[in-house]
Amino acid sequence: IETDSHQLILHYENEHLYVKGSLSDFHHKLPSNSFYRSNNSYIVNVNYIEKIKKDISRYCIFLITGEKIPLSRDKKMTLTKLINGK
C-alpha cells in the first residue's frame, strides 16, 4: 500500500486500486502480524518480503515481486524481528 497525493494505492498482483484515506487509518485496519509500515509512504505485506538490504545509503525491502521499497532506519530492527518471528 502506497500513499501518493492524498490517495492510497493498493498494489495487487495484477492491478492497482486507488482509494481515498490516510495511510495511518488504513494501517490500523490491517493485521499487524502481516502488514508493516516501512516508512511514511508505504505499508508492506511481510509475506512478500524476500530480503532487507542496505542499498547505497539506506535500507530497502526487496519483495518477491521484484519491487524495492524504502525502509526507515529506525524501523529496520522491528521489521527484522517480525519476519524472524514468523
PDB file of N, CA and C in Angstrom:
ATOM      1  N   ILE A   1       0.866  -1.170   0.000  1.00  0.00           N
ATOM      2  CA  ILE A   1       0.000   0.000   0.000  1.00  0.00           C
ATOM      3  C   ILE A   1       0.903   1.220   0.000  1.00  0.00           C
ATOM      4  N   GLU A   2       0.600   2.122  -0.882  1.00  0.00           N
ATOM      5  CA  GLU A   2       1.428   3.315  -1.065  1.00  0.00           C
ATOM      6  C   GLU A   2       0.543   4.547  -0.998  1.00  0.00           C
ATOM      7  N   THR A   3       1.070   5.624  -0.471  1.00  0.00           N
ATOM      8  CA  THR A   3       0.330   6.875  -0.479  1.00  0.00           C
ATOM      9  C   THR A   3       0.968   7.824  -1.494  1.00  0.00           C
ATOM     10  N   ASP A   4       0.105   8.530  -2.232  1.00  0.00           N
ATOM     11  CA  ASP A   4       0.584   9.472  -3.233  1.00  0.00           C
ATOM     12  C   ASP A   4      -0.492  10.533  -3.440  1.00  0.00           C
ATOM     13  N   SER A   5      -0.135  11.783  -3.231  1.00  0.00           N
ATOM     14  CA  SER A   5      -1.055  12.907  -3.453  1.00  0.00           C
ATOM     15  C   SER A   5      -2.400  12.704  -2.754  1.00  0.00           C
ATOM     16  N   HIS A   6      -2.366  12.393  -1.478  1.00  0.00           N
ATOM     17  CA  HIS A   6      -3.564  12.265  -0.639  1.00  0.00           C
ATOM     18  C   HIS A   6      -4.505  11.146  -1.054  1.00  0.00           C
ATOM     19  N   GLN A   7      -3.973  10.133  -1.728  1.00  0.00           N
ATOM     20  CA  GLN A   7      -4.768   8.943  -2.001  1.00  0.00           C
ATOM     21  C   GLN A   7      -3.900   7.715  -1.783  1.00  0.00           C
ATOM     22  N   LEU A   8      -4.547   6.597  -1.529  1.00  0.00           N
ATOM     23  CA  LEU A   8      -3.833   5.352  -1.304  1.00  0.00           C
ATOM     24  C   LEU A   8      -3.864   4.518  -2.574  1.00  0.00           C
ATOM     25  N   ILE A   9      -2.753   3.855  -2.842  1.00  0.00           N
ATOM     26  CA  ILE A   9      -2.667   2.941  -3.972  1.00  0.00           C
ATOM     27  C   ILE A   9      -2.440   1.551  -3.392  1.00  0.00           C
ATOM     28  N   LEU A  10      -3.410   0.681  -3.572  1.00  0.00           N
ATOM     29  CA  LEU A  10      -3.300  -0.690  -3.101  1.00  0.00           C
ATOM     30  C   LEU A  10      -2.774  -1.522  -4.258  1.00  0.00           C
ATOM     31  N   HIS A  11      -1.598  -2.089  -4.080  1.00  0.00           N
ATOM     32  CA  HIS A  11      -0.955  -2.875  -5.130  1.00  0.00           C
ATOM     33  C   HIS A  11      -1.342  -4.341  -4.977  1.00  0.00           C
ATOM     34  N   TYR A  12      -1.946  -4.889  -5.994  1.00  0.00           N
ATOM     35  CA  TYR A  12      -2.279  -6.309  -6.065  1.00  0.00           C
ATOM     36  C   TYR A  12      -1.414  -6.935  -7.146  1.00  0.00           C
ATOM     37  N   GLU A  13      -1.468  -8.239  -7.277  1.00  0.00           N
ATOM     38  CA  GLU A  13      -0.616  -8.911  -8.254  1.00  0.00           C
ATOM     39  C   GLU A  13      -0.848  -8.416  -9.681  1.00  0.00           C
ATOM     40  N   ASN A  14      -2.102  -8.194 -10.052  1.00  0.00           N
ATOM     41  CA  ASN A  14      -2.399  -7.828 -11.440  1.00  0.00           C
ATOM     42  C   ASN A  14      -3.096  -6.487 -11.611  1.00  0.00           C
ATOM     43  N   GLU A  15      -3.257  -5.740 -10.518  1.00  0.00           N
ATOM     44  CA  GLU A  15      -3.957  -4.465 -10.638  1.00  0.00           C
ATOM     45  C   GLU A  15      -3.598  -3.538  -9.477  1.00  0.00           C
ATOM     46  N   HIS A  16      -3.983  -2.284  -9.624  1.00  0.00           N
ATOM     47  CA  HIS A  16      -3.828  -1.274  -8.579  1.00  0.00           C
ATOM     48  C   HIS A  16      -5.212  -0.691  -8.310  1.00  0.00           C
ATOM     49  N   LEU A  17      -5.498  -0.490  -7.035  1.00  0.00           N
ATOM     50  CA  LEU A  17      -6.768   0.089  -6.628  1.00  0.00           C
ATOM     51  C   LEU A  17      -6.474   1.409  -5.940  1.00  0.00           C
ATOM     52  N   TYR A  18      -7.147   2.469  -6.347  1.00  0.00           N
ATOM     53  CA  TYR A  18      -6.951   3.798  -5.779  1.00  0.00           C
ATOM     54  C   TYR A  18      -8.127   4.118  -4.857  1.00  0.00           C
ATOM     55  N   VAL A  19      -7.817   4.480  -3.619  1.00  0.00           N
ATOM     56  CA  VAL A  19      -8.858   4.819  -2.647  1.00  0.00           C
ATOM     57  C   VAL A  19      -8.455   6.069  -1.889  1.00  0.00           C
ATOM     58  N   LYS A  20      -9.436   6.786  -1.385  1.00  0.00           N
ATOM     59  CA  LYS A  20      -9.159   7.961  -0.555  1.00  0.00           C
ATOM     60  C   LYS A  20      -8.990   7.515   0.885  1.00  0.00           C
ATOM     61  N   GLY A  21      -8.140   8.214   1.604  1.00  0.00           N
ATOM     62  CA  GLY A  21      -7.928   7.902   3.006  1.00  0.00           C
ATOM     63  C   GLY A  21      -6.486   8.128   3.394  1.00  0.00           C
ATOM     64  N   SER A  22      -6.229   7.947   4.679  1.00  0.00           N
ATOM     65  CA  SER A  22      -4.856   8.134   5.152  1.00  0.00           C
ATOM     66  C   SER A  22      -4.216   6.775   5.391  1.00  0.00           C
ATOM     67  N   LEU A  23      -2.922   6.736   5.243  1.00  0.00           N
ATOM     68  CA  LEU A  23      -2.166   5.513   5.459  1.00  0.00           C
ATOM     69  C   LEU A  23      -2.297   5.053   6.907  1.00  0.00           C
ATOM     70  N   SER A  24      -2.293   5.982   7.840  1.00  0.00           N
ATOM     71  CA  SER A  24      -2.429   5.639   9.265  1.00  0.00           C
ATOM     72  C   SER A  24      -3.761   4.965   9.554  1.00  0.00           C
ATOM     73  N   ASP A  25      -4.839   5.522   9.059  1.00  0.00           N
ATOM     74  CA  ASP A  25      -6.162   4.935   9.299  1.00  0.00           C
ATOM     75  C   ASP A  25      -6.273   3.549   8.675  1.00  0.00           C
ATOM     76  N   PHE A  26      -5.744   3.398   7.493  1.00  0.00           N
ATOM     77  CA  PHE A  26      -5.810   2.119   6.796  1.00  0.00           C
ATOM     78  C   PHE A  26      -4.949   1.074   7.502  1.00  0.00           C
ATOM     79  N   HIS A  27      -3.784   1.500   7.989  1.00  0.00           N
ATOM     80  CA  HIS A  27      -2.864   0.585   8.663  1.00  0.00           C
ATOM     81  C   HIS A  27      -3.501  -0.033   9.904  1.00  0.00           C
ATOM     82  N   HIS A  28      -4.295   0.729  10.626  1.00  0.00           N
ATOM     83  CA  HIS A  28      -4.940   0.230  11.845  1.00  0.00           C
ATOM     84  C   HIS A  28      -5.993  -0.845  11.562  1.00  0.00           C
ATOM     85  N   LYS A  29      -6.451  -0.938  10.324  1.00  0.00           N
ATOM     86  CA  LYS A  29      -7.459  -1.928   9.953  1.00  0.00           C
ATOM     87  C   LYS A  29      -6.840  -3.255   9.506  1.00  0.00           C
ATOM     88  N   LEU A  30      -5.536  -3.277   9.326  1.00  0.00           N
ATOM     89  CA  LEU A  30      -4.844  -4.465   8.821  1.00  0.00           C
ATOM     90  C   LEU A  30      -4.261  -5.298   9.963  1.00  0.00           C
ATOM     91  N   PRO A  31      -4.110  -6.607   9.771  1.00  0.00           N
ATOM     92  CA  PRO A  31      -3.482  -7.438  10.811  1.00  0.00           C
ATOM     93  C   PRO A  31      -2.012  -7.067  10.996  1.00  0.00           C
ATOM     94  N   SER A  32      -1.631  -6.750  12.226  1.00  0.00           N
ATOM     95  CA  SER A  32      -0.276  -6.259  12.491  1.00  0.00           C
ATOM     96  C   SER A  32       0.803  -7.320  12.306  1.00  0.00           C
ATOM     97  N   ASN A  33       0.443  -8.588  12.305  1.00  0.00           N
ATOM     98  CA  ASN A  33       1.456  -9.622  12.097  1.00  0.00           C
ATOM     99  C   ASN A  33       1.737  -9.879  10.623  1.00  0.00           C
ATOM    100  N   SER A  34       0.952  -9.279   9.725  1.00  0.00           N
ATOM    101  CA  SER A  34       1.152  -9.472   8.290  1.00  0.00           C
ATOM    102  C   SER A  34       1.507  -8.203   7.523  1.00  0.00           C
ATOM    103  N   PHE A  35       1.220  -7.040   8.100  1.00  0.00           N
ATOM    104  CA  PHE A  35       1.476  -5.779   7.408  1.00  0.00           C
ATOM    105  C   PHE A  35       2.310  -4.870   8.296  1.00  0.00           C
ATOM    106  N   TYR A  36       3.296  -4.211   7.679  1.00  0.00           N
ATOM    107  CA  TYR A  36       4.217  -3.364   8.442  1.00  0.00           C
ATOM    108  C   TYR A  36       4.418  -2.051   7.712  1.00  0.00           C
ATOM    109  N   ARG A  37       4.382  -0.972   8.445  1.00  0.00           N
ATOM    110  CA  ARG A  37       4.612   0.354   7.859  1.00  0.00           C
ATOM    111  C   ARG A  37       6.114   0.597   7.800  1.00  0.00           C
ATOM    112  N   SER A  38       6.659   0.583   6.609  1.00  0.00           N
ATOM    113  CA  SER A  38       8.115   0.661   6.429  1.00  0.00           C
ATOM    114  C   SER A  38       8.658   2.083   6.490  1.00  0.00           C
ATOM    115  N   ASN A  39       7.813   3.056   6.198  1.00  0.00           N
ATOM    116  CA  ASN A  39       8.176   4.473   6.288  1.00  0.00           C
ATOM    117  C   ASN A  39       6.897   5.301   6.188  1.00  0.00           C
ATOM    118  N   ASN A  40       7.016   6.578   5.930  1.00  0.00           N
ATOM    119  CA  ASN A  40       5.831   7.445   5.881  1.00  0.00           C
ATOM    120  C   ASN A  40       4.932   7.213   4.677  1.00  0.00           C
ATOM    121  N   SER A  41       5.432   6.488   3.668  1.00  0.00           N
ATOM    122  CA  SER A  41       4.674   6.357   2.425  1.00  0.00           C
ATOM    123  C   SER A  41       4.224   4.942   2.076  1.00  0.00           C
ATOM    124  N   TYR A  42       4.673   3.925   2.826  1.00  0.00           N
ATOM    125  CA  TYR A  42       4.382   2.542   2.437  1.00  0.00           C
ATOM    126  C   TYR A  42       3.982   1.665   3.611  1.00  0.00           C
ATOM    127  N   ILE A  43       3.077   0.728   3.328  1.00  0.00           N
ATOM    128  CA  ILE A  43       2.777  -0.401   4.191  1.00  0.00           C
ATOM    129  C   ILE A  43       3.072  -1.640   3.352  1.00  0.00           C
ATOM    130  N   VAL A  44       3.807  -2.578   3.931  1.00  0.00           N
ATOM    131  CA  VAL A  44       4.268  -3.752   3.189  1.00  0.00           C
ATOM    132  C   VAL A  44       3.658  -5.024   3.773  1.00  0.00           C
ATOM    133  N   ASN A  45       3.236  -5.919   2.896  1.00  0.00           N
ATOM    134  CA  ASN A  45       2.801  -7.248   3.311  1.00  0.00           C
ATOM    135  C   ASN A  45       4.077  -8.057   3.580  1.00  0.00           C
ATOM    136  N   VAL A  46       4.316  -8.427   4.828  1.00  0.00           N
ATOM    137  CA  VAL A  46       5.575  -9.095   5.189  1.00  0.00           C
ATOM    138  C   VAL A  46       5.718 -10.466   4.533  1.00  0.00           C
ATOM    139  N   ASN A  47       4.626 -11.059   4.092  1.00  0.00           N
ATOM    140  CA  ASN A  47       4.688 -12.350   3.411  1.00  0.00           C
ATOM    141  C   ASN A  47       5.331 -12.247   2.025  1.00  0.00           C
ATOM    142  N   TYR A  48       5.470 -11.042   1.510  1.00  0.00           N
ATOM    143  CA  TYR A  48       6.062 -10.832   0.188  1.00  0.00           C
ATOM    144  C   TYR A  48       7.509 -10.348   0.259  1.00  0.00           C
ATOM    145  N   ILE A  49       8.060 -10.237   1.451  1.00  0.00           N
ATOM    146  CA  ILE A  49       9.435  -9.755   1.602  1.00  0.00           C
ATOM    147  C   ILE A  49      10.418 -10.873   1.285  1.00  0.00           C
ATOM    148  N   GLU A  50      11.312 -10.588   0.357  1.00  0.00           N
ATOM    149  CA  GLU A  50      12.370 -11.539   0.014  1.00  0.00           C
ATOM    150  C   GLU A  50      13.593 -11.304   0.894  1.00  0.00           C
ATOM    151  N   LYS A  51      13.980 -10.012   1.028  1.00  0.00           N
ATOM    152  CA  LYS A  51      15.138  -9.677   1.857  1.00  0.00           C
ATOM    153  C   LYS A  51      15.120  -8.195   2.200  1.00  0.00           C
ATOM    154  N   ILE A  52      15.905  -7.865   3.218  1.00  0.00           N
ATOM    155  CA  ILE A  52      16.152  -6.476   3.604  1.00  0.00           C
ATOM    156  C   ILE A  52      17.641  -6.257   3.408  1.00  0.00           C
ATOM    157  N   LYS A  53      17.975  -5.195   2.716  1.00  0.00           N
ATOM    158  CA  LYS A  53      19.377  -4.981   2.382  1.00  0.00           C
ATOM    159  C   LYS A  53      19.674  -3.490   2.318  1.00  0.00           C
ATOM    160  N   LYS A  54      20.863  -3.121   2.714  1.00  0.00           N
ATOM    161  CA  LYS A  54      21.282  -1.726   2.575  1.00  0.00           C
ATOM    162  C   LYS A  54      21.597  -1.477   1.105  1.00  0.00           C
ATOM    163  N   ASP A  55      21.009  -0.450   0.559  1.00  0.00           N
ATOM    164  CA  ASP A  55      21.175  -0.095  -0.846  1.00  0.00           C
ATOM    165  C   ASP A  55      21.745   1.310  -0.916  1.00  0.00           C
ATOM    166  N   ILE A  56      23.002   1.422  -1.192  1.00  0.00           N
ATOM    167  CA  ILE A  56      23.770   2.657  -1.220  1.00  0.00           C
ATOM    168  C   ILE A  56      23.756   3.292   0.173  1.00  0.00           C
ATOM    169  N   SER A  57      22.874   4.245   0.450  1.00  0.00           N
ATOM    170  CA  SER A  57      22.917   4.942   1.733  1.00  0.00           C
ATOM    171  C   SER A  57      21.728   4.642   2.640  1.00  0.00           C
ATOM    172  N   ARG A  58      20.795   3.773   2.211  1.00  0.00           N
ATOM    173  CA  ARG A  58      19.641   3.472   3.051  1.00  0.00           C
ATOM    174  C   ARG A  58      19.228   2.009   2.903  1.00  0.00           C
ATOM    175  N   TYR A  59      18.418   1.577   3.834  1.00  0.00           N
ATOM    176  CA  TYR A  59      17.896   0.215   3.784  1.00  0.00           C
ATOM    177  C   TYR A  59      16.689   0.151   2.865  1.00  0.00           C
ATOM    178  N   CYS A  60      16.545  -0.991   2.205  1.00  0.00           N
ATOM    179  CA  CYS A  60      15.416  -1.223   1.317  1.00  0.00           C
ATOM    180  C   CYS A  60      14.852  -2.609   1.561  1.00  0.00           C
ATOM    181  N   ILE A  61      13.580  -2.744   1.295  1.00  0.00           N
ATOM    182  CA  ILE A  61      12.901  -4.028   1.322  1.00  0.00           C
ATOM    183  C   ILE A  61      12.779  -4.492  -0.120  1.00  0.00           C
ATOM    184  N   PHE A  62      13.247  -5.682  -0.387  1.00  0.00           N
ATOM    185  CA  PHE A  62      13.120  -6.265  -1.720  1.00  0.00           C
ATOM    186  C   PHE A  62      12.006  -7.302  -1.654  1.00  0.00           C
ATOM    187  N   LEU A  63      10.991  -7.120  -2.486  1.00  0.00           N
ATOM    188  CA  LEU A  63       9.829  -8.008  -2.491  1.00  0.00           C
ATOM    189  C   LEU A  63      10.003  -9.132  -3.501  1.00  0.00           C
ATOM    190  N   ILE A  64       9.276 -10.218  -3.311  1.00  0.00           N
ATOM    191  CA  ILE A  64       9.357 -11.336  -4.250  1.00  0.00           C
ATOM    192  C   ILE A  64       8.810 -10.954  -5.622  1.00  0.00           C
ATOM    193  N   THR A  65       8.092  -9.842  -5.703  1.00  0.00           N
ATOM    194  CA  THR A  65       7.561  -9.345  -6.975  1.00  0.00           C
ATOM    195  C   THR A  65       8.605  -8.563  -7.764  1.00  0.00           C
ATOM    196  N   GLY A  66       9.782  -8.323  -7.150  1.00  0.00           N
ATOM    197  CA  GLY A  66      10.831  -7.553  -7.815  1.00  0.00           C
ATOM    198  C   GLY A  66      10.846  -6.089  -7.436  1.00  0.00           C
ATOM    199  N   GLU A  67       9.851  -5.647  -6.698  1.00  0.00           N
ATOM    200  CA  GLU A  67       9.796  -4.242  -6.287  1.00  0.00           C
ATOM    201  C   GLU A  67      10.746  -3.971  -5.122  1.00  0.00           C
ATOM    202  N   LYS A  68      11.191  -2.718  -5.036  1.00  0.00           N
ATOM    203  CA  LYS A  68      12.083  -2.272  -3.972  1.00  0.00           C
ATOM    204  C   LYS A  68      11.394  -1.129  -3.230  1.00  0.00           C
ATOM    205  N   ILE A  69      11.256  -1.295  -1.900  1.00  0.00           N
ATOM    206  CA  ILE A  69      10.546  -0.333  -1.061  1.00  0.00           C
ATOM    207  C   ILE A  69      11.531   0.245  -0.048  1.00  0.00           C
ATOM    208  N   PRO A  70      11.571   1.574   0.119  1.00  0.00           N
ATOM    209  CA  PRO A  70      12.459   2.156   1.127  1.00  0.00           C
ATOM    210  C   PRO A  70      12.039   1.766   2.545  1.00  0.00           C
ATOM    211  N   LEU A  71      13.022   1.589   3.425  1.00  0.00           N
ATOM    212  CA  LEU A  71      12.791   1.224   4.813  1.00  0.00           C
ATOM    213  C   LEU A  71      13.501   2.224   5.707  1.00  0.00           C
ATOM    214  N   SER A  72      12.760   2.828   6.613  1.00  0.00           N
ATOM    215  CA  SER A  72      13.359   3.767   7.566  1.00  0.00           C
ATOM    216  C   SER A  72      14.329   3.015   8.468  1.00  0.00           C
ATOM    217  N   ARG A  73      15.455   3.650   8.760  1.00  0.00           N
ATOM    218  CA  ARG A  73      16.476   3.032   9.616  1.00  0.00           C
ATOM    219  C   ARG A  73      15.921   2.616  10.968  1.00  0.00           C
ATOM    220  N   ASP A  74      15.102   3.478  11.553  1.00  0.00           N
ATOM    221  CA  ASP A  74      14.575   3.192  12.885  1.00  0.00           C
ATOM    222  C   ASP A  74      13.510   2.086  12.891  1.00  0.00           C
ATOM    223  N   LYS A  75      13.046   1.654  11.736  1.00  0.00           N
ATOM    224  CA  LYS A  75      12.043   0.591  11.654  1.00  0.00           C
ATOM    225  C   LYS A  75      12.632  -0.749  11.245  1.00  0.00           C
ATOM    226  N   LYS A  76      13.909  -0.770  10.902  1.00  0.00           N
ATOM    227  CA  LYS A  76      14.547  -1.998  10.418  1.00  0.00           C
ATOM    228  C   LYS A  76      14.553  -3.098  11.465  1.00  0.00           C
ATOM    229  N   MET A  77      14.935  -2.792  12.687  1.00  0.00           N
ATOM    230  CA  MET A  77      15.058  -3.814  13.718  1.00  0.00           C
ATOM    231  C   MET A  77      13.700  -4.453  14.037  1.00  0.00           C
ATOM    232  N   THR A  78      12.668  -3.653  14.145  1.00  0.00           N
ATOM    233  CA  THR A  78      11.334  -4.165  14.442  1.00  0.00           C
ATOM    234  C   THR A  78      10.834  -5.063  13.311  1.00  0.00           C
ATOM    235  N   LEU A  79      11.059  -4.658  12.077  1.00  0.00           N
ATOM    236  CA  LEU A  79      10.638  -5.464  10.936  1.00  0.00           C
ATOM    237  C   LEU A  79      11.416  -6.783  10.888  1.00  0.00           C
ATOM    238  N   THR A  80      12.705  -6.739  11.159  1.00  0.00           N
ATOM    239  CA  THR A  80      13.517  -7.943  11.168  1.00  0.00           C
ATOM    240  C   THR A  80      13.002  -8.930  12.217  1.00  0.00           C
ATOM    241  N   LYS A  81      12.655  -8.430  13.390  1.00  0.00           N
ATOM    242  CA  LYS A  81      12.093  -9.289  14.444  1.00  0.00           C
ATOM    243  C   LYS A  81      10.750  -9.886  14.007  1.00  0.00           C
ATOM    244  N   LEU A  82       9.926  -9.092  13.355  1.00  0.00           N
ATOM    245  CA  LEU A  82       8.630  -9.570  12.888  1.00  0.00           C
ATOM    246  C   LEU A  82       8.796 -10.696  11.868  1.00  0.00           C
ATOM    247  N   ILE A  83       9.719 -10.507  10.943  1.00  0.00           N
ATOM    248  CA  ILE A  83       9.959 -11.516   9.909  1.00  0.00           C
ATOM    249  C   ILE A  83      10.519 -12.795  10.520  1.00  0.00           C
ATOM    250  N   ASN A  84      11.472 -12.666  11.417  1.00  0.00           N
ATOM    251  CA  ASN A  84      12.111 -13.835  12.031  1.00  0.00           C
ATOM    252  C   ASN A  84      11.175 -14.572  12.978  1.00  0.00           C
ATOM    253  N   GLY A  85      10.172 -13.881  13.476  1.00  0.00           N
ATOM    254  CA  GLY A  85       9.223 -14.488  14.384  1.00  0.00           C
ATOM    255  C   GLY A  85       8.145 -15.297  13.684  1.00  0.00           C
ATOM    256  N   LYS A  86       8.086 -15.167  12.371  1.00  0.00           N
ATOM    257  CA  LYS A  86       7.049 -15.883  11.590  1.00  0.00           C
ATOM    258  C   LYS A  86       7.437 -17.303  11.360  1.00  0.00           C
TER     259      LYS A  86
END
